[in-house]
Amino acid sequence: MNPDFIIGGVLVAVGIIAILVRRRFMQLIYRGLRLFYGEPVADDSIRGRPLVRIALVGAFMIVAGSVMLVTAFIGLS
């Protein structure tokens, strides 16, 4: 089996998970930053629209994984 199938599938799966649980993911990042660096650093790091950024990264991962899957499938035939 071509490793591109595995990597592409993992990218698509992680992208979907990132989009679906982006609010919980941001809460985990904020808690970790607050625990290790303090509340001022955590507040400064999570400024702006982080939920939109996570959704964009998830969408990019889905697109990149889909391209890998298509190129791996084309390489098989």
N, C-alpha and C. Protein backbone atom coordinates (compact mmCIF):
# COMPACT_ATOMS: atom_id res chain seq x y z
N MET A 1 0.84 -1.18 0.00
CA MET A 1 0.00 0.00 0.00
C MET A 1 0.88 1.24 0.00
N ASN A 2 0.50 2.18 -0.81
CA ASN A 2 1.23 3.43 -0.94
C ASN A 2 1.08 4.27 0.33
N PRO A 3 2.16 4.79 0.88
CA PRO A 3 2.04 5.59 2.11
C PRO A 3 1.26 6.89 1.91
N ASP A 4 1.13 7.33 0.65
CA ASP A 4 0.34 8.54 0.41
C ASP A 4 -1.13 8.34 0.77
N PHE A 5 -1.63 7.11 0.63
CA PHE A 5 -3.00 6.83 1.03
C PHE A 5 -3.18 7.03 2.53
N ILE A 6 -2.22 6.56 3.29
CA ILE A 6 -2.31 6.67 4.75
C ILE A 6 -2.17 8.13 5.18
N ILE A 7 -1.16 8.82 4.64
CA ILE A 7 -0.94 10.22 5.03
C ILE A 7 -2.12 11.09 4.60
N GLY A 8 -2.62 10.88 3.39
CA GLY A 8 -3.76 11.65 2.91
C GLY A 8 -5.00 11.40 3.75
N GLY A 9 -5.24 10.14 4.10
CA GLY A 9 -6.40 9.82 4.94
C GLY A 9 -6.29 10.43 6.32
N VAL A 10 -5.10 10.41 6.89
CA VAL A 10 -4.89 11.01 8.22
C VAL A 10 -5.09 12.52 8.14
N LEU A 11 -4.58 13.16 7.10
CA LEU A 11 -4.77 14.61 6.96
C LEU A 11 -6.24 14.98 6.85
N VAL A 12 -6.98 14.22 6.06
CA VAL A 12 -8.41 14.49 5.91
C VAL A 12 -9.12 14.28 7.25
N ALA A 13 -8.81 13.21 7.95
CA ALA A 13 -9.46 12.92 9.23
C ALA A 13 -9.15 14.00 10.28
N VAL A 14 -7.89 14.39 10.37
CA VAL A 14 -7.51 15.41 11.35
C VAL A 14 -8.13 16.76 10.99
N GLY A 15 -8.22 17.07 9.71
CA GLY A 15 -8.87 18.31 9.27
C GLY A 15 -10.34 18.34 9.65
N ILE A 16 -11.04 17.23 9.46
CA ILE A 16 -12.45 17.16 9.83
C ILE A 16 -12.62 17.29 11.34
N ILE A 17 -11.76 16.62 12.09
CA ILE A 17 -11.82 16.71 13.55
C ILE A 17 -11.53 18.13 14.02
N ALA A 18 -10.55 18.79 13.39
CA ALA A 18 -10.22 20.17 13.78
C ALA A 18 -11.39 21.11 13.55
N ILE A 19 -12.12 20.90 12.45
CA ILE A 19 -13.27 21.76 12.18
C ILE A 19 -14.41 21.47 13.15
N LEU A 20 -14.64 20.20 13.44
CA LEU A 20 -15.77 19.84 14.29
C LEU A 20 -15.59 20.23 15.75
N VAL A 21 -14.38 20.15 16.27
CA VAL A 21 -14.15 20.41 17.70
C VAL A 21 -13.26 21.63 17.93
N ARG A 22 -13.37 22.64 17.06
CA ARG A 22 -12.47 23.79 17.16
C ARG A 22 -12.67 24.59 18.44
N ARG A 23 -13.88 24.69 18.96
CA ARG A 23 -14.10 25.44 20.19
C ARG A 23 -13.43 24.75 21.39
N ARG A 24 -13.58 23.46 21.48
CA ARG A 24 -12.94 22.69 22.57
C ARG A 24 -11.42 22.73 22.43
N PHE A 25 -10.94 22.68 21.19
CA PHE A 25 -9.50 22.73 20.93
C PHE A 25 -8.92 24.06 21.41
N MET A 26 -9.64 25.15 21.17
CA MET A 26 -9.15 26.45 21.63
C MET A 26 -9.15 26.54 23.15
N GLN A 27 -10.12 25.93 23.81
CA GLN A 27 -10.14 25.92 25.26
C GLN A 27 -8.94 25.17 25.81
N LEU A 28 -8.59 24.05 25.18
CA LEU A 28 -7.42 23.28 25.62
C LEU A 28 -6.12 24.06 25.42
N ILE A 29 -6.00 24.75 24.28
CA ILE A 29 -4.81 25.56 24.04
C ILE A 29 -4.71 26.69 25.06
N TYR A 30 -5.82 27.35 25.33
CA TYR A 30 -5.82 28.46 26.29
C TYR A 30 -5.44 27.97 27.69
N ARG A 31 -6.00 26.84 28.10
CA ARG A 31 -5.65 26.31 29.44
C ARG A 31 -4.18 25.94 29.53
N GLY A 32 -3.64 25.33 28.48
CA GLY A 32 -2.23 24.98 28.49
C GLY A 32 -1.33 26.20 28.55
N LEU A 33 -1.65 27.21 27.75
CA LEU A 33 -0.86 28.44 27.79
C LEU A 33 -0.96 29.11 29.15
N ARG A 34 -2.16 29.14 29.72
CA ARG A 34 -2.34 29.76 31.03
C ARG A 34 -1.58 28.99 32.10
N LEU A 35 -1.56 27.67 32.00
CA LEU A 35 -0.87 26.85 32.99
C LEU A 35 0.64 27.06 32.94
N PHE A 36 1.20 27.07 31.72
CA PHE A 36 2.66 27.13 31.60
C PHE A 36 3.22 28.55 31.57
N TYR A 37 2.47 29.51 31.01
CA TYR A 37 3.03 30.85 30.81
C TYR A 37 2.29 31.95 31.56
N GLY A 38 1.14 31.66 32.12
CA GLY A 38 0.39 32.67 32.85
C GLY A 38 -0.75 33.25 32.01
N GLU A 39 -1.65 33.92 32.71
CA GLU A 39 -2.86 34.42 32.05
C GLU A 39 -2.59 35.55 31.05
N PRO A 40 -1.67 36.49 31.31
CA PRO A 40 -1.45 37.55 30.32
C PRO A 40 -0.94 37.02 28.98
N VAL A 41 -0.06 36.06 29.02
CA VAL A 41 0.46 35.48 27.77
C VAL A 41 -0.64 34.72 27.05
N ALA A 42 -1.45 33.98 27.79
CA ALA A 42 -2.54 33.22 27.17
C ALA A 42 -3.55 34.17 26.53
N ASP A 43 -3.86 35.27 27.21
CA ASP A 43 -4.80 36.24 26.64
C ASP A 43 -4.24 36.88 25.37
N ASP A 44 -2.96 37.21 25.38
CA ASP A 44 -2.36 37.82 24.20
C ASP A 44 -2.24 36.84 23.04
N SER A 45 -2.05 35.57 23.33
CA SER A 45 -1.88 34.57 22.28
C SER A 45 -3.18 34.21 21.60
N ILE A 46 -4.29 34.32 22.31
CA ILE A 46 -5.59 33.91 21.77
C ILE A 46 -6.40 35.16 21.41
N ARG A 47 -5.76 36.14 20.88
CA ARG A 47 -6.45 37.36 20.45
C ARG A 47 -6.96 37.19 19.03
N GLY A 48 -7.95 37.96 18.66
CA GLY A 48 -8.45 37.92 17.29
C GLY A 48 -9.55 36.89 17.12
N ARG A 49 -9.50 36.17 16.02
CA ARG A 49 -10.53 35.19 15.69
C ARG A 49 -9.90 33.80 15.54
N PRO A 50 -9.50 33.17 16.64
CA PRO A 50 -8.81 31.88 16.53
C PRO A 50 -9.70 30.76 16.02
N LEU A 51 -11.02 30.83 16.24
CA LEU A 51 -11.90 29.76 15.77
C LEU A 51 -11.94 29.73 14.25
N VAL A 52 -11.89 30.91 13.64
CA VAL A 52 -11.87 30.98 12.18
C VAL A 52 -10.54 30.44 11.66
N ARG A 53 -9.46 30.76 12.35
CA ARG A 53 -8.14 30.26 11.92
C ARG A 53 -8.07 28.75 11.99
N ILE A 54 -8.62 28.17 13.05
CA ILE A 54 -8.61 26.71 13.16
C ILE A 54 -9.45 26.09 12.05
N ALA A 55 -10.57 26.70 11.73
CA ALA A 55 -11.41 26.19 10.64
C ALA A 55 -10.68 26.27 9.31
N LEU A 56 -9.93 27.36 9.09
CA LEU A 56 -9.17 27.49 7.85
C LEU A 56 -8.05 26.45 7.76
N VAL A 57 -7.38 26.22 8.87
CA VAL A 57 -6.32 25.20 8.89
C VAL A 57 -6.92 23.81 8.65
N GLY A 58 -8.08 23.54 9.25
CA GLY A 58 -8.75 22.27 9.02
C GLY A 58 -9.15 22.09 7.56
N ALA A 59 -9.66 23.16 6.95
CA ALA A 59 -10.04 23.09 5.54
C ALA A 59 -8.81 22.87 4.66
N PHE A 60 -7.70 23.54 4.99
CA PHE A 60 -6.46 23.33 4.23
C PHE A 60 -5.98 21.89 4.35
N MET A 61 -6.08 21.33 5.55
CA MET A 61 -5.66 19.93 5.74
C MET A 61 -6.53 18.97 4.93
N ILE A 62 -7.83 19.26 4.87
CA ILE A 62 -8.73 18.42 4.07
C ILE A 62 -8.36 18.50 2.60
N VAL A 63 -8.09 19.70 2.10
CA VAL A 63 -7.72 19.87 0.69
C VAL A 63 -6.39 19.18 0.40
N ALA A 64 -5.39 19.38 1.27
CA ALA A 64 -4.09 18.76 1.05
C ALA A 64 -4.19 17.23 1.09
N GLY A 65 -4.96 16.72 2.04
CA GLY A 65 -5.14 15.27 2.11
C GLY A 65 -5.87 14.71 0.91
N SER A 66 -6.87 15.45 0.43
CA SER A 66 -7.60 15.01 -0.76
C SER A 66 -6.70 14.99 -1.99
N VAL A 67 -5.86 16.00 -2.13
CA VAL A 67 -4.92 16.03 -3.26
C VAL A 67 -3.96 14.84 -3.18
N MET A 68 -3.47 14.55 -2.00
CA MET A 68 -2.58 13.38 -1.84
C MET A 68 -3.29 12.09 -2.21
N LEU A 69 -4.55 11.94 -1.76
CA LEU A 69 -5.30 10.73 -2.09
C LEU A 69 -5.53 10.61 -3.59
N VAL A 70 -5.87 11.71 -4.25
CA VAL A 70 -6.12 11.67 -5.70
C VAL A 70 -4.84 11.35 -6.46
N THR A 71 -3.72 11.99 -6.08
CA THR A 71 -2.47 11.70 -6.78
C THR A 71 -1.99 10.28 -6.53
N ALA A 72 -2.23 9.75 -5.35
CA ALA A 72 -1.87 8.36 -5.08
C ALA A 72 -2.74 7.42 -5.88
N PHE A 73 -4.03 7.74 -6.01
CA PHE A 73 -4.93 6.89 -6.80
C PHE A 73 -4.57 6.94 -8.28
N ILE A 74 -4.20 8.12 -8.78
CA ILE A 74 -3.80 8.24 -10.18
C ILE A 74 -2.51 7.48 -10.42
N GLY A 75 -1.61 7.51 -9.45
CA GLY A 75 -0.35 6.79 -9.58
C GLY A 75 -0.54 5.27 -9.62
N LEU A 76 -1.64 4.79 -9.04
CA LEU A 76 -1.92 3.35 -9.07
C LEU A 76 -2.33 2.87 -10.45
N SER A 77 -3.08 3.70 -11.17
CA SER A 77 -3.61 3.24 -12.45
C SER A 77 -2.70 3.51 -13.61
